[in-house]
Amino acid sequence: MPQADACSEQHAVAALAWRLLTCGPAIPERADRRGFLADVAMGERPVLADCGAPPWPTGEAALRRALSPDPALRYPGLYALASALEAGLHEALHDPLVADAGDGLAGAGRRLSPRR
């Protein structure tokens, strides 16, 4: 079994963020173990909006990169992932389509963004 490292930690953080946004796993569970493992290996992910989360293209792209099955395609570290998510959140706060999604990402961003 491979040792935990910064890449696996990044994957775990992104998977947790996905679960918090969608109330579901980043890789949908399947009864068929081989099918599930194939989804893991191929990096198959649902679209956030299909999981009930408001649209968030920039943040979703950041999470997808961090969830890549190939560690070489992930961010160089958690700080880079956090920066990408912060940029996506900033974009979402100023996007009327996301802001109109109710108390989704924009509402969370207003509560979580530090006062500057």
PDB file of N, CA and C in Angstrom:
ATOM      1  N   MET A   1       0.852  -1.184   0.000  1.00  0.00           N
ATOM      2  CA  MET A   1       0.000   0.000   0.000  1.00  0.00           C
ATOM      3  C   MET A   1       0.893   1.240   0.000  1.00  0.00           C
ATOM      4  N   PRO A   2       0.589   2.222  -0.876  1.00  0.00           N
ATOM      5  CA  PRO A   2       1.410   3.431  -0.928  1.00  0.00           C
ATOM      6  C   PRO A   2       1.296   4.237   0.371  1.00  0.00           C
ATOM      7  N   GLN A   3       2.372   4.942   0.687  1.00  0.00           N
ATOM      8  CA  GLN A   3       2.393   5.790   1.870  1.00  0.00           C
ATOM      9  C   GLN A   3       1.599   7.065   1.614  1.00  0.00           C
ATOM     10  N   ALA A   4       0.999   7.595   2.658  1.00  0.00           N
ATOM     11  CA  ALA A   4       0.315   8.880   2.548  1.00  0.00           C
ATOM     12  C   ALA A   4       1.362   9.967   2.315  1.00  0.00           C
ATOM     13  N   ASP A   5       1.051  10.893   1.437  1.00  0.00           N
ATOM     14  CA  ASP A   5       1.951  12.003   1.164  1.00  0.00           C
ATOM     15  C   ASP A   5       1.120  13.249   0.869  1.00  0.00           C
ATOM     16  N   ALA A   6       1.775  14.321   0.428  1.00  0.00           N
ATOM     17  CA  ALA A   6       1.068  15.579   0.160  1.00  0.00           C
ATOM     18  C   ALA A   6       0.022  15.414  -0.935  1.00  0.00           C
ATOM     19  N   CYS A   7       0.302  14.580  -1.930  1.00  0.00           N
ATOM     20  CA  CYS A   7      -0.678  14.368  -3.010  1.00  0.00           C
ATOM     21  C   CYS A   7      -1.913  13.634  -2.512  1.00  0.00           C
ATOM     22  N   SER A   8      -1.716  12.627  -1.674  1.00  0.00           N
ATOM     23  CA  SER A   8      -2.884  11.908  -1.162  1.00  0.00           C
ATOM     24  C   SER A   8      -3.655  12.774  -0.166  1.00  0.00           C
ATOM     25  N   GLU A   9      -2.941  13.613   0.578  1.00  0.00           N
ATOM     26  CA  GLU A   9      -3.603  14.537   1.499  1.00  0.00           C
ATOM     27  C   GLU A   9      -4.469  15.529   0.710  1.00  0.00           C
ATOM     28  N   GLN A  10      -3.925  16.036  -0.395  1.00  0.00           N
ATOM     29  CA  GLN A  10      -4.675  16.962  -1.247  1.00  0.00           C
ATOM     30  C   GLN A  10      -5.942  16.291  -1.788  1.00  0.00           C
ATOM     31  N   HIS A  11      -5.807  15.043  -2.208  1.00  0.00           N
ATOM     32  CA  HIS A  11      -6.969  14.298  -2.715  1.00  0.00           C
ATOM     33  C   HIS A  11      -8.015  14.166  -1.611  1.00  0.00           C
ATOM     34  N   ALA A  12      -7.591  13.877  -0.406  1.00  0.00           N
ATOM     35  CA  ALA A  12      -8.527  13.716   0.707  1.00  0.00           C
ATOM     36  C   ALA A  12      -9.240  15.032   1.031  1.00  0.00           C
ATOM     37  N   VAL A  13      -8.508  16.136   1.011  1.00  0.00           N
ATOM     38  CA  VAL A  13      -9.107  17.443   1.283  1.00  0.00           C
ATOM     39  C   VAL A  13     -10.128  17.787   0.197  1.00  0.00           C
ATOM     40  N   ALA A  14      -9.776  17.534  -1.057  1.00  0.00           N
ATOM     41  CA  ALA A  14     -10.693  17.814  -2.168  1.00  0.00           C
ATOM     42  C   ALA A  14     -11.933  16.922  -2.082  1.00  0.00           C
ATOM     43  N   ALA A  15     -11.759  15.670  -1.718  1.00  0.00           N
ATOM     44  CA  ALA A  15     -12.900  14.761  -1.577  1.00  0.00           C
ATOM     45  C   ALA A  15     -13.826  15.238  -0.453  1.00  0.00           C
ATOM     46  N   LEU A  16     -13.242  15.731   0.633  1.00  0.00           N
ATOM     47  CA  LEU A  16     -14.042  16.265   1.731  1.00  0.00           C
ATOM     48  C   LEU A  16     -14.789  17.518   1.278  1.00  0.00           C
ATOM     49  N   ALA A  17     -14.112  18.404   0.562  1.00  0.00           N
ATOM     50  CA  ALA A  17     -14.756  19.622   0.063  1.00  0.00           C
ATOM     51  C   ALA A  17     -15.914  19.256  -0.865  1.00  0.00           C
ATOM     52  N   TRP A  18     -15.695  18.270  -1.737  1.00  0.00           N
ATOM     53  CA  TRP A  18     -16.757  17.826  -2.652  1.00  0.00           C
ATOM     54  C   TRP A  18     -17.962  17.328  -1.847  1.00  0.00           C
ATOM     55  N   ARG A  19     -17.687  16.533  -0.828  1.00  0.00           N
ATOM     56  CA  ARG A  19     -18.771  15.979  -0.001  1.00  0.00           C
ATOM     57  C   ARG A  19     -19.523  17.106   0.713  1.00  0.00           C
ATOM     58  N   LEU A  20     -18.815  18.113   1.196  1.00  0.00           N
ATOM     59  CA  LEU A  20     -19.468  19.229   1.877  1.00  0.00           C
ATOM     60  C   LEU A  20     -20.341  20.034   0.917  1.00  0.00           C
ATOM     61  N   LEU A  21     -19.900  20.171  -0.331  1.00  0.00           N
ATOM     62  CA  LEU A  21     -20.670  20.929  -1.319  1.00  0.00           C
ATOM     63  C   LEU A  21     -21.887  20.162  -1.826  1.00  0.00           C
ATOM     64  N   THR A  22     -21.772  18.852  -1.920  1.00  0.00           N
ATOM     65  CA  THR A  22     -22.816  18.058  -2.573  1.00  0.00           C
ATOM     66  C   THR A  22     -23.564  17.117  -1.642  1.00  0.00           C
ATOM     67  N   CYS A  23     -23.075  16.938  -0.437  1.00  0.00           N
ATOM     68  CA  CYS A  23     -23.631  15.951   0.501  1.00  0.00           C
ATOM     69  C   CYS A  23     -23.496  14.536  -0.050  1.00  0.00           C
ATOM     70  N   GLY A  24     -22.506  14.328  -0.903  1.00  0.00           N
ATOM     71  CA  GLY A  24     -22.271  13.011  -1.480  1.00  0.00           C
ATOM     72  C   GLY A  24     -20.804  12.835  -1.833  1.00  0.00           C
ATOM     73  N   PRO A  25     -20.404  11.630  -2.160  1.00  0.00           N
ATOM     74  CA  PRO A  25     -18.995  11.360  -2.464  1.00  0.00           C
ATOM     75  C   PRO A  25     -18.580  11.908  -3.830  1.00  0.00           C
ATOM     76  N   ALA A  26     -17.294  12.176  -3.977  1.00  0.00           N
ATOM     77  CA  ALA A  26     -16.752  12.662  -5.250  1.00  0.00           C
ATOM     78  C   ALA A  26     -16.852  11.587  -6.325  1.00  0.00           C
ATOM     79  N   ILE A  27     -16.774  10.348  -5.921  1.00  0.00           N
ATOM     80  CA  ILE A  27     -16.937   9.228  -6.848  1.00  0.00           C
ATOM     81  C   ILE A  27     -18.173   8.460  -6.369  1.00  0.00           C
ATOM     82  N   PRO A  28     -19.242   8.504  -7.161  1.00  0.00           N
ATOM     83  CA  PRO A  28     -20.459   7.817  -6.723  1.00  0.00           C
ATOM     84  C   PRO A  28     -20.206   6.336  -6.454  1.00  0.00           C
ATOM     85  N   GLU A  29     -20.761   5.877  -5.351  1.00  0.00           N
ATOM     86  CA  GLU A  29     -20.603   4.478  -4.971  1.00  0.00           C
ATOM     87  C   GLU A  29     -21.452   3.600  -5.891  1.00  0.00           C
ATOM     88  N   ARG A  30     -20.916   2.443  -6.176  1.00  0.00           N
ATOM     89  CA  ARG A  30     -21.624   1.474  -7.022  1.00  0.00           C
ATOM     90  C   ARG A  30     -21.566   0.120  -6.347  1.00  0.00           C
ATOM     91  N   ALA A  31     -22.614  -0.674  -6.573  1.00  0.00           N
ATOM     92  CA  ALA A  31     -22.632  -2.030  -6.025  1.00  0.00           C
ATOM     93  C   ALA A  31     -21.587  -2.902  -6.705  1.00  0.00           C
ATOM     94  N   ASP A  32     -21.315  -2.610  -7.967  1.00  0.00           N
ATOM     95  CA  ASP A  32     -20.337  -3.358  -8.750  1.00  0.00           C
ATOM     96  C   ASP A  32     -18.931  -2.850  -8.414  1.00  0.00           C
ATOM     97  N   ARG A  33     -18.166  -3.640  -7.658  1.00  0.00           N
ATOM     98  CA  ARG A  33     -16.831  -3.214  -7.211  1.00  0.00           C
ATOM     99  C   ARG A  33     -15.902  -2.904  -8.379  1.00  0.00           C
ATOM    100  N   ARG A  34     -15.932  -3.727  -9.417  1.00  0.00           N
ATOM    101  CA  ARG A  34     -15.067  -3.476 -10.583  1.00  0.00           C
ATOM    102  C   ARG A  34     -15.433  -2.165 -11.268  1.00  0.00           C
ATOM    103  N   GLY A  35     -16.712  -1.905 -11.396  1.00  0.00           N
ATOM    104  CA  GLY A  35     -17.158  -0.653 -11.997  1.00  0.00           C
ATOM    105  C   GLY A  35     -16.725   0.545 -11.175  1.00  0.00           C
ATOM    106  N   PHE A  36     -16.844   0.409  -9.844  1.00  0.00           N
ATOM    107  CA  PHE A  36     -16.421   1.483  -8.948  1.00  0.00           C
ATOM    108  C   PHE A  36     -14.918   1.734  -9.086  1.00  0.00           C
ATOM    109  N   LEU A  37     -14.125   0.667  -9.082  1.00  0.00           N
ATOM    110  CA  LEU A  37     -12.678   0.819  -9.212  1.00  0.00           C
ATOM    111  C   LEU A  37     -12.295   1.407 -10.566  1.00  0.00           C
ATOM    112  N   ALA A  38     -13.046   1.054 -11.609  1.00  0.00           N
ATOM    113  CA  ALA A  38     -12.799   1.647 -12.927  1.00  0.00           C
ATOM    114  C   ALA A  38     -13.094   3.142 -12.895  1.00  0.00           C
ATOM    115  N   ASP A  39     -14.172   3.537 -12.218  1.00  0.00           N
ATOM    116  CA  ASP A  39     -14.487   4.961 -12.083  1.00  0.00           C
ATOM    117  C   ASP A  39     -13.371   5.695 -11.339  1.00  0.00           C
ATOM    118  N   VAL A  40     -12.851   5.071 -10.293  1.00  0.00           N
ATOM    119  CA  VAL A  40     -11.748   5.673  -9.531  1.00  0.00           C
ATOM    120  C   VAL A  40     -10.538   5.856 -10.432  1.00  0.00           C
ATOM    121  N   ALA A  41     -10.164   4.820 -11.152  1.00  0.00           N
ATOM    122  CA  ALA A  41      -8.980   4.863 -12.009  1.00  0.00           C
ATOM    123  C   ALA A  41      -9.124   5.858 -13.148  1.00  0.00           C
ATOM    124  N   MET A  42     -10.339   5.990 -13.687  1.00  0.00           N
ATOM    125  CA  MET A  42     -10.561   6.896 -14.814  1.00  0.00           C
ATOM    126  C   MET A  42     -10.823   8.326 -14.371  1.00  0.00           C
ATOM    127  N   GLY A  43     -11.022   8.531 -13.089  1.00  0.00           N
ATOM    128  CA  GLY A  43     -11.285   9.871 -12.591  1.00  0.00           C
ATOM    129  C   GLY A  43     -12.680  10.371 -12.909  1.00  0.00           C
ATOM    130  N   GLU A  44     -13.623   9.444 -13.103  1.00  0.00           N
ATOM    131  CA  GLU A  44     -14.997   9.841 -13.401  1.00  0.00           C
ATOM    132  C   GLU A  44     -15.592  10.581 -12.208  1.00  0.00           C
ATOM    133  N   ARG A  45     -16.125  11.764 -12.472  1.00  0.00           N
ATOM    134  CA  ARG A  45     -16.748  12.560 -11.425  1.00  0.00           C
ATOM    135  C   ARG A  45     -18.062  13.125 -11.955  1.00  0.00           C
ATOM    136  N   PRO A  46     -19.080  13.210 -11.111  1.00  0.00           N
ATOM    137  CA  PRO A  46     -20.306  13.885 -11.545  1.00  0.00           C
ATOM    138  C   PRO A  46     -20.069  15.398 -11.610  1.00  0.00           C
ATOM    139  N   VAL A  47     -20.974  16.112 -12.206  1.00  0.00           N
ATOM    140  CA  VAL A  47     -20.913  17.570 -12.251  1.00  0.00           C
ATOM    141  C   VAL A  47     -21.540  18.086 -10.960  1.00  0.00           C
ATOM    142  N   LEU A  48     -20.939  19.122 -10.358  1.00  0.00           N
ATOM    143  CA  LEU A  48     -21.470  19.644  -9.097  1.00  0.00           C
ATOM    144  C   LEU A  48     -22.956  19.964  -9.197  1.00  0.00           C
ATOM    145  N   ALA A  49     -23.355  20.626 -10.269  1.00  0.00           N
ATOM    146  CA  ALA A  49     -24.765  21.013 -10.412  1.00  0.00           C
ATOM    147  C   ALA A  49     -25.684  19.797 -10.464  1.00  0.00           C
ATOM    148  N   ASP A  50     -25.208  18.688 -11.005  1.00  0.00           N
ATOM    149  CA  ASP A  50     -26.009  17.469 -11.046  1.00  0.00           C
ATOM    150  C   ASP A  50     -26.158  16.840  -9.664  1.00  0.00           C
ATOM    151  N   CYS A  51     -25.326  17.272  -8.731  1.00  0.00           N
ATOM    152  CA  CYS A  51     -25.369  16.742  -7.360  1.00  0.00           C
ATOM    153  C   CYS A  51     -26.148  17.667  -6.430  1.00  0.00           C
ATOM    154  N   GLY A  52     -26.763  18.704  -6.991  1.00  0.00           N
ATOM    155  CA  GLY A  52     -27.555  19.613  -6.177  1.00  0.00           C
ATOM    156  C   GLY A  52     -26.811  20.836  -5.689  1.00  0.00           C
ATOM    157  N   ALA A  53     -25.533  20.964  -6.040  1.00  0.00           N
ATOM    158  CA  ALA A  53     -24.759  22.140  -5.635  1.00  0.00           C
ATOM    159  C   ALA A  53     -24.938  23.235  -6.684  1.00  0.00           C
ATOM    160  N   PRO A  54     -24.802  24.497  -6.278  1.00  0.00           N
ATOM    161  CA  PRO A  54     -24.891  25.563  -7.272  1.00  0.00           C
ATOM    162  C   PRO A  54     -23.729  25.471  -8.251  1.00  0.00           C
ATOM    163  N   PRO A  55     -23.902  25.989  -9.458  1.00  0.00           N
ATOM    164  CA  PRO A  55     -22.802  25.944 -10.427  1.00  0.00           C
ATOM    165  C   PRO A  55     -21.611  26.744  -9.915  1.00  0.00           C
ATOM    166  N   TRP A  56     -20.441  26.206 -10.121  1.00  0.00           N
ATOM    167  CA  TRP A  56     -19.205  26.856  -9.666  1.00  0.00           C
ATOM    168  C   TRP A  56     -18.071  26.374 -10.555  1.00  0.00           C
ATOM    169  N   PRO A  57     -18.002  26.823 -11.798  1.00  0.00           N
ATOM    170  CA  PRO A  57     -17.045  26.278 -12.758  1.00  0.00           C
ATOM    171  C   PRO A  57     -15.585  26.342 -12.311  1.00  0.00           C
ATOM    172  N   THR A  58     -15.160  27.472 -11.780  1.00  0.00           N
ATOM    173  CA  THR A  58     -13.753  27.605 -11.392  1.00  0.00           C
ATOM    174  C   THR A  58     -13.420  26.714 -10.201  1.00  0.00           C
ATOM    175  N   GLY A  59     -14.297  26.707  -9.211  1.00  0.00           N
ATOM    176  CA  GLY A  59     -14.067  25.858  -8.043  1.00  0.00           C
ATOM    177  C   GLY A  59     -14.147  24.386  -8.383  1.00  0.00           C
ATOM    178  N   GLU A  60     -15.086  24.046  -9.258  1.00  0.00           N
ATOM    179  CA  GLU A  60     -15.219  22.649  -9.673  1.00  0.00           C
ATOM    180  C   GLU A  60     -13.968  22.193 -10.418  1.00  0.00           C
ATOM    181  N   ALA A  61     -13.434  23.060 -11.276  1.00  0.00           N
ATOM    182  CA  ALA A  61     -12.206  22.707 -12.001  1.00  0.00           C
ATOM    183  C   ALA A  61     -11.047  22.491 -11.027  1.00  0.00           C
ATOM    184  N   ALA A  62     -10.979  23.312  -9.982  1.00  0.00           N
ATOM    185  CA  ALA A  62      -9.923  23.158  -8.980  1.00  0.00           C
ATOM    186  C   ALA A  62     -10.071  21.826  -8.245  1.00  0.00           C
ATOM    187  N   LEU A  63     -11.302  21.494  -7.864  1.00  0.00           N
ATOM    188  CA  LEU A  63     -11.533  20.232  -7.162  1.00  0.00           C
ATOM    189  C   LEU A  63     -11.249  19.037  -8.070  1.00  0.00           C
ATOM    190  N   ARG A  64     -11.656  19.124  -9.325  1.00  0.00           N
ATOM    191  CA  ARG A  64     -11.393  18.025 -10.261  1.00  0.00           C
ATOM    192  C   ARG A  64      -9.891  17.798 -10.421  1.00  0.00           C
ATOM    193  N   ARG A  65      -9.124  18.883 -10.499  1.00  0.00           N
ATOM    194  CA  ARG A  65      -7.667  18.738 -10.623  1.00  0.00           C
ATOM    195  C   ARG A  65      -7.102  18.061  -9.375  1.00  0.00           C
ATOM    196  N   ALA A  66      -7.553  18.494  -8.203  1.00  0.00           N
ATOM    197  CA  ALA A  66      -7.059  17.905  -6.953  1.00  0.00           C
ATOM    198  C   ALA A  66      -7.494  16.456  -6.787  1.00  0.00           C
ATOM    199  N   LEU A  67      -8.597  16.087  -7.434  1.00  0.00           N
ATOM    200  CA  LEU A  67      -9.107  14.716  -7.356  1.00  0.00           C
ATOM    201  C   LEU A  67      -8.592  13.829  -8.487  1.00  0.00           C
ATOM    202  N   SER A  68      -7.673  14.337  -9.282  1.00  0.00           N
ATOM    203  CA  SER A  68      -7.157  13.551 -10.401  1.00  0.00           C
ATOM    204  C   SER A  68      -6.580  12.226  -9.910  1.00  0.00           C
ATOM    205  N   PRO A  69      -6.858  11.134 -10.625  1.00  0.00           N
ATOM    206  CA  PRO A  69      -6.259   9.859 -10.217  1.00  0.00           C
ATOM    207  C   PRO A  69      -4.745   9.841 -10.412  1.00  0.00           C
ATOM    208  N   ASP A  70      -4.221  10.744 -11.237  1.00  0.00           N
ATOM    209  CA  ASP A  70      -2.775  10.844 -11.463  1.00  0.00           C
ATOM    210  C   ASP A  70      -2.214  11.941 -10.569  1.00  0.00           C
ATOM    211  N   PRO A  71      -1.469  11.603  -9.527  1.00  0.00           N
ATOM    212  CA  PRO A  71      -0.931  12.618  -8.612  1.00  0.00           C
ATOM    213  C   PRO A  71      -0.108  13.703  -9.311  1.00  0.00           C
ATOM    214  N   ALA A  72       0.511  13.380 -10.433  1.00  0.00           N
ATOM    215  CA  ALA A  72       1.323  14.372 -11.147  1.00  0.00           C
ATOM    216  C   ALA A  72       0.461  15.495 -11.731  1.00  0.00           C
ATOM    217  N   LEU A  73      -0.844  15.248 -11.893  1.00  0.00           N
ATOM    218  CA  LEU A  73      -1.734  16.262 -12.450  1.00  0.00           C
ATOM    219  C   LEU A  73      -2.378  17.141 -11.384  1.00  0.00           C
ATOM    220  N   ARG A  74      -2.163  16.797 -10.120  1.00  0.00           N
ATOM    221  CA  ARG A  74      -2.732  17.583  -9.019  1.00  0.00           C
ATOM    222  C   ARG A  74      -1.907  18.843  -8.794  1.00  0.00           C
ATOM    223  N   TYR A  75      -2.352  19.676  -7.893  1.00  0.00           N
ATOM    224  CA  TYR A  75      -1.621  20.892  -7.540  1.00  0.00           C
ATOM    225  C   TYR A  75      -0.316  20.525  -6.859  1.00  0.00           C
ATOM    226  N   PRO A  76       0.670  21.431  -6.909  1.00  0.00           N
ATOM    227  CA  PRO A  76       1.945  21.121  -6.267  1.00  0.00           C
ATOM    228  C   PRO A  76       1.839  20.994  -4.742  1.00  0.00           C
ATOM    229  N   GLY A  77       0.773  21.517  -4.167  1.00  0.00           N
ATOM    230  CA  GLY A  77       0.581  21.403  -2.726  1.00  0.00           C
ATOM    231  C   GLY A  77      -0.774  21.943  -2.315  1.00  0.00           C
ATOM    232  N   LEU A  78      -1.084  21.806  -1.033  1.00  0.00           N
ATOM    233  CA  LEU A  78      -2.377  22.260  -0.533  1.00  0.00           C
ATOM    234  C   LEU A  78      -2.535  23.770  -0.628  1.00  0.00           C
ATOM    235  N   TYR A  79      -1.439  24.516  -0.478  1.00  0.00           N
ATOM    236  CA  TYR A  79      -1.533  25.971  -0.583  1.00  0.00           C
ATOM    237  C   TYR A  79      -2.011  26.363  -1.978  1.00  0.00           C
ATOM    238  N   ALA A  80      -1.501  25.702  -3.008  1.00  0.00           N
ATOM    239  CA  ALA A  80      -1.915  26.000  -4.383  1.00  0.00           C
ATOM    240  C   ALA A  80      -3.387  25.642  -4.584  1.00  0.00           C
ATOM    241  N   LEU A  81      -3.834  24.529  -4.016  1.00  0.00           N
ATOM    242  CA  LEU A  81      -5.249  24.164  -4.094  1.00  0.00           C
ATOM    243  C   LEU A  81      -6.094  25.217  -3.381  1.00  0.00           C
ATOM    244  N   ALA A  82      -5.680  25.616  -2.192  1.00  0.00           N
ATOM    245  CA  ALA A  82      -6.427  26.630  -1.443  1.00  0.00           C
ATOM    246  C   ALA A  82      -6.499  27.940  -2.227  1.00  0.00           C
ATOM    247  N   SER A  83      -5.422  28.321  -2.869  1.00  0.00           N
ATOM    248  CA  SER A  83      -5.412  29.546  -3.667  1.00  0.00           C
ATOM    249  C   SER A  83      -6.381  29.450  -4.838  1.00  0.00           C
ATOM    250  N   ALA A  84      -6.414  28.279  -5.492  1.00  0.00           N
ATOM    251  CA  ALA A  84      -7.335  28.079  -6.614  1.00  0.00           C
ATOM    252  C   ALA A  84      -8.788  28.128  -6.139  1.00  0.00           C
ATOM    253  N   LEU A  85      -9.063  27.521  -4.996  1.00  0.00           N
ATOM    254  CA  LEU A  85     -10.426  27.552  -4.462  1.00  0.00           C
ATOM    255  C   LEU A  85     -10.811  28.959  -4.024  1.00  0.00           C
ATOM    256  N   GLU A  86      -9.873  29.684  -3.450  1.00  0.00           N
ATOM    257  CA  GLU A  86     -10.140  31.065  -3.046  1.00  0.00           C
ATOM    258  C   GLU A  86     -10.456  31.930  -4.268  1.00  0.00           C
ATOM    259  N   ALA A  87      -9.692  31.747  -5.348  1.00  0.00           N
ATOM    260  CA  ALA A  87      -9.959  32.490  -6.581  1.00  0.00           C
ATOM    261  C   ALA A  87     -11.345  32.137  -7.124  1.00  0.00           C
ATOM    262  N   GLY A  88     -11.685  30.866  -7.058  1.00  0.00           N
ATOM    263  CA  GLY A  88     -13.007  30.443  -7.505  1.00  0.00           C
ATOM    264  C   GLY A  88     -14.112  31.013  -6.640  1.00  0.00           C
ATOM    265  N   LEU A  89     -13.872  31.092  -5.341  1.00  0.00           N
ATOM    266  CA  LEU A  89     -14.867  31.659  -4.442  1.00  0.00           C
ATOM    267  C   LEU A  89     -15.026  33.150  -4.712  1.00  0.00           C
ATOM    268  N   HIS A  90     -13.915  33.845  -4.923  1.00  0.00           N
ATOM    269  CA  HIS A  90     -13.970  35.274  -5.247  1.00  0.00           C
ATOM    270  C   HIS A  90     -14.784  35.483  -6.524  1.00  0.00           C
ATOM    271  N   GLU A  91     -14.533  34.641  -7.525  1.00  0.00           N
ATOM    272  CA  GLU A  91     -15.284  34.732  -8.775  1.00  0.00           C
ATOM    273  C   GLU A  91     -16.770  34.473  -8.532  1.00  0.00           C
ATOM    274  N   ALA A  92     -17.074  33.481  -7.708  1.00  0.00           N
ATOM    275  CA  ALA A  92     -18.472  33.138  -7.425  1.00  0.00           C
ATOM    276  C   ALA A  92     -19.187  34.274  -6.699  1.00  0.00           C
ATOM    277  N   LEU A  93     -18.485  34.968  -5.838  1.00  0.00           N
ATOM    278  CA  LEU A  93     -19.097  36.078  -5.101  1.00  0.00           C
ATOM    279  C   LEU A  93     -19.501  37.214  -6.026  1.00  0.00           C
ATOM    280  N   HIS A  94     -18.836  37.305  -7.172  1.00  0.00           N
ATOM    281  CA  HIS A  94     -19.112  38.390  -8.110  1.00  0.00           C
ATOM    282  C   HIS A  94     -19.848  37.919  -9.361  1.00  0.00           C
ATOM    283  N   ASP A  95     -20.299  36.694  -9.375  1.00  0.00           N
ATOM    284  CA  ASP A  95     -21.021  36.137 -10.510  1.00  0.00           C
ATOM    285  C   ASP A  95     -22.507  36.149 -10.179  1.00  0.00           C
ATOM    286  N   PRO A  96     -23.311  36.956 -10.902  1.00  0.00           N
ATOM    287  CA  PRO A  96     -24.737  37.028 -10.561  1.00  0.00           C
ATOM    288  C   PRO A  96     -25.463  35.695 -10.669  1.00  0.00           C
ATOM    289  N   LEU A  97     -25.018  34.797 -11.559  1.00  0.00           N
ATOM    290  CA  LEU A  97     -25.684  33.499 -11.677  1.00  0.00           C
ATOM    291  C   LEU A  97     -25.480  32.663 -10.424  1.00  0.00           C
ATOM    292  N   VAL A  98     -24.280  32.731  -9.854  1.00  0.00           N
ATOM    293  CA  VAL A  98     -24.008  31.982  -8.627  1.00  0.00           C
ATOM    294  C   VAL A  98     -24.646  32.684  -7.443  1.00  0.00           C
ATOM    295  N   ALA A  99     -24.558  34.010  -7.417  1.00  0.00           N
ATOM    296  CA  ALA A  99     -25.144  34.763  -6.310  1.00  0.00           C
ATOM    297  C   ALA A  99     -26.651  34.538  -6.233  1.00  0.00           C
ATOM    298  N   ASP A 100     -27.305  34.355  -7.394  1.00  0.00           N
ATOM    299  CA  ASP A 100     -28.744  34.126  -7.414  1.00  0.00           C
ATOM    300  C   ASP A 100     -29.121  32.701  -7.038  1.00  0.00           C
ATOM    301  N   ALA A 101     -28.136  31.835  -6.801  1.00  0.00           N
ATOM    302  CA  ALA A 101     -28.415  30.442  -6.462  1.00  0.00           C
ATOM    303  C   ALA A 101     -28.869  30.298  -5.010  1.00  0.00           C
ATOM    304  N   GLY A 102     -29.164  31.408  -4.371  1.00  0.00           N
ATOM    305  CA  GLY A 102     -29.642  31.358  -2.999  1.00  0.00           C
ATOM    306  C   GLY A 102     -28.482  31.394  -2.026  1.00  0.00           C
ATOM    307  N   ASP A 103     -28.595  30.629  -0.975  1.00  0.00           N
ATOM    308  CA  ASP A 103     -27.575  30.635   0.067  1.00  0.00           C
ATOM    309  C   ASP A 103     -26.544  29.547  -0.202  1.00  0.00           C
ATOM    310  N   GLY A 104     -26.152  29.387  -1.452  1.00  0.00           N
ATOM    311  CA  GLY A 104     -25.155  28.384  -1.828  1.00  0.00           C
ATOM    312  C   GLY A 104     -23.754  28.909  -1.636  1.00  0.00           C
ATOM    313  N   LEU A 105     -22.946  28.826  -2.670  1.00  0.00           N
ATOM    314  CA  LEU A 105     -21.547  29.226  -2.586  1.00  0.00           C
ATOM    315  C   LEU A 105     -21.378  30.683  -2.227  1.00  0.00           C
ATOM    316  N   ALA A 106     -22.171  31.553  -2.824  1.00  0.00           N
ATOM    317  CA  ALA A 106     -22.015  32.974  -2.554  1.00  0.00           C
ATOM    318  C   ALA A 106     -22.305  33.274  -1.084  1.00  0.00           C
ATOM    319  N   GLY A 107     -23.360  32.679  -0.552  1.00  0.00           N
ATOM    320  CA  GLY A 107     -23.669  32.888   0.857  1.00  0.00           C
ATOM    321  C   GLY A 107     -22.575  32.343   1.757  1.00  0.00           C
ATOM    322  N   ALA A 108     -22.065  31.180   1.424  1.00  0.00           N
ATOM    323  CA  ALA A 108     -20.967  30.601   2.208  1.00  0.00           C
ATOM    324  C   ALA A 108     -19.736  31.480   2.103  1.00  0.00           C
ATOM    325  N   GLY A 109     -19.478  31.994   0.920  1.00  0.00           N
ATOM    326  CA  GLY A 109     -18.303  32.848   0.730  1.00  0.00           C
ATOM    327  C   GLY A 109     -18.382  34.110   1.543  1.00  0.00           C
ATOM    328  N   ARG A 110     -19.565  34.710   1.625  1.00  0.00           N
ATOM    329  CA  ARG A 110     -19.705  35.925   2.424  1.00  0.00           C
ATOM    330  C   ARG A 110     -19.477  35.622   3.904  1.00  0.00           C
ATOM    331  N   ARG A 111     -19.870  34.436   4.335  1.00  0.00           N
ATOM    332  CA  ARG A 111     -19.670  34.084   5.737  1.00  0.00           C
ATOM    333  C   ARG A 111     -18.220  33.711   6.034  1.00  0.00           C
ATOM    334  N   LEU A 112     -17.524  33.106   5.058  1.00  0.00           N
ATOM    335  CA  LEU A 112     -16.193  32.597   5.307  1.00  0.00           C
ATOM    336  C   LEU A 112     -15.069  33.544   4.907  1.00  0.00           C
ATOM    337  N   SER A 113     -15.326  34.472   3.989  1.00  0.00           N
ATOM    338  CA  SER A 113     -14.262  35.367   3.518  1.00  0.00           C
ATOM    339  C   SER A 113     -13.840  36.297   4.636  1.00  0.00           C
ATOM    340  N   PRO A 114     -12.515  36.402   4.862  1.00  0.00           N
ATOM    341  CA  PRO A 114     -12.037  37.321   5.897  1.00  0.00           C
ATOM    342  C   PRO A 114     -12.285  38.755   5.468  1.00  0.00           C
ATOM    343  N   ARG A 115     -12.505  39.612   6.417  1.00  0.00           N
ATOM    344  CA  ARG A 115     -12.666  41.043   6.130  1.00  0.00           C
ATOM    345  C   ARG A 115     -11.316  41.595   5.721  1.00  0.00           C
ATOM    346  N   ARG A 116     -11.290  42.345   4.634  1.00  0.00           N
ATOM    347  CA  ARG A 116     -10.014  42.913   4.166  1.00  0.00           C
ATOM    348  C   ARG A 116     -10.058  44.397   4.245  1.00  0.00           C
TER     349      ARG A 116
END
